Amino acid sequence: MKKKYKQVAADALLFAGILGLTMYAVFRGQDLGAIRQAIRDCDGRWLIPALACVVVFIGGESVILRLLLRSGGYRLGQGRCFLISSAGFFFSAVTPSAGGGQPMQVYFMSREKIPVPVAAVTLMAVTITYKMVLVAVGLGSVVFGLDWLRLRFGGMMFLFWIGLALTVGFTALLLVLVFHPHLARVVVDAGHRLLERMHILRRKESRRQKLLSSMEKYHETAAYFKSHMGLMLLVLAITFVQRFALFTVPWLVYRGFGLTGFRWADIAIQQAVIAVAADMLPLPGGMGVTEALFLTVFEPVFGALTLPAMVLSRGVEFYCRLLLSAAFTAVAAGVLGRHRHNAQGRASAL
């Protein structure tokens, strides 16, 4: 338990430290009074649908979770799926490389009596479709707009290439694990034996057997995907809507400032390529890099209002999402699993 609290404290300190450095780098030498005035001048009515986009983003995953679980014979209410989605987004936002999101979702799903292998299969499906949207955006931008990308990113183009390579590589690895489970088993076993030979891990047969037995969930995932391709295409379509709802936020801020000239698609795709660059970096919520890229990529769009636009856009799509998901995560901690525990208690009393 102490180890768990130390990890939480370390993640919190890392988050606070990166947040502080980001704010210092963004606002150093800026006229804070002018920024505040520009934000006040923004028509707040456009921020209401921006907040709604955040809800759609979280809710989109909850719809996907419910569909996948129901197809596997597990019925979970939409509200409870929304709480599980919120917990995933919250812990993904505050942990490096979004590493804490899915373990917490598995934990909350297990409290709802969803078996861990089923939860793992479901979340792997969610992860693959989530990443495939970014892969499609990234590769599409390279094929159809490489000159435009270079113009927008300028000297930060290397971040886009790194982000795209990591996203494509990670997605390809997941697909190999899913659709070639026997190959995945061989690769994992070979990697484990290599680590033992290099004396990074102590030779321990029980660990090897436990690792290989855990690979069975990938066999289940492969069988699941192959027998539910229609459902997976629906999930992919919902994921596109979910992700582009969040990518719409800068366009709504753009309209809030009374600006015209750029279409929704122009701005949403620019936000999407920023996500491609920052999504896989080992920083909580992509903090620091996302802000820097926004100021670079959107400068031709917002001009002198780029910094206030970044504050509003990032404030809504990340920080408001963080607060909203934190609130629902607190609700999840008190609600999920309770009705089942109560039912067990009543049964015991009888």
Foldseek 3Di string as FASTA:
>chain_A
DVVVVVVVVVLQVQQVVLVVVLVCVLCPPHDVVVLVVLLVLFACVLVVLLLVLLVLLLLLQLVLLQVLCVVVVHHDDSLLSSLLSLQLLQCLQRAFQSVPRLVVSLVLVVLQVDDSLSSVLSVLLLVLLLLVLLLCLLVVCCVPPVVLLCQQCPPNSVLLVVLNVVSVVVSVVSVCLQQVVVVVLVVVLVVVVVCCVVVVDPDDVVVNVVVSVVSVSSVVNNVSCVVPVVSSVVSSVSSNSSLLSLLQLLVSSCVSSVDDDDDSVRSSSLLSSLCSSQNRGRGNNSRNSSLVSQLRNCCVPQPPSSSSSSCSSCCSSPVVSNVVSVVSNVVSVVPRSPVVVVVVVVVVVD
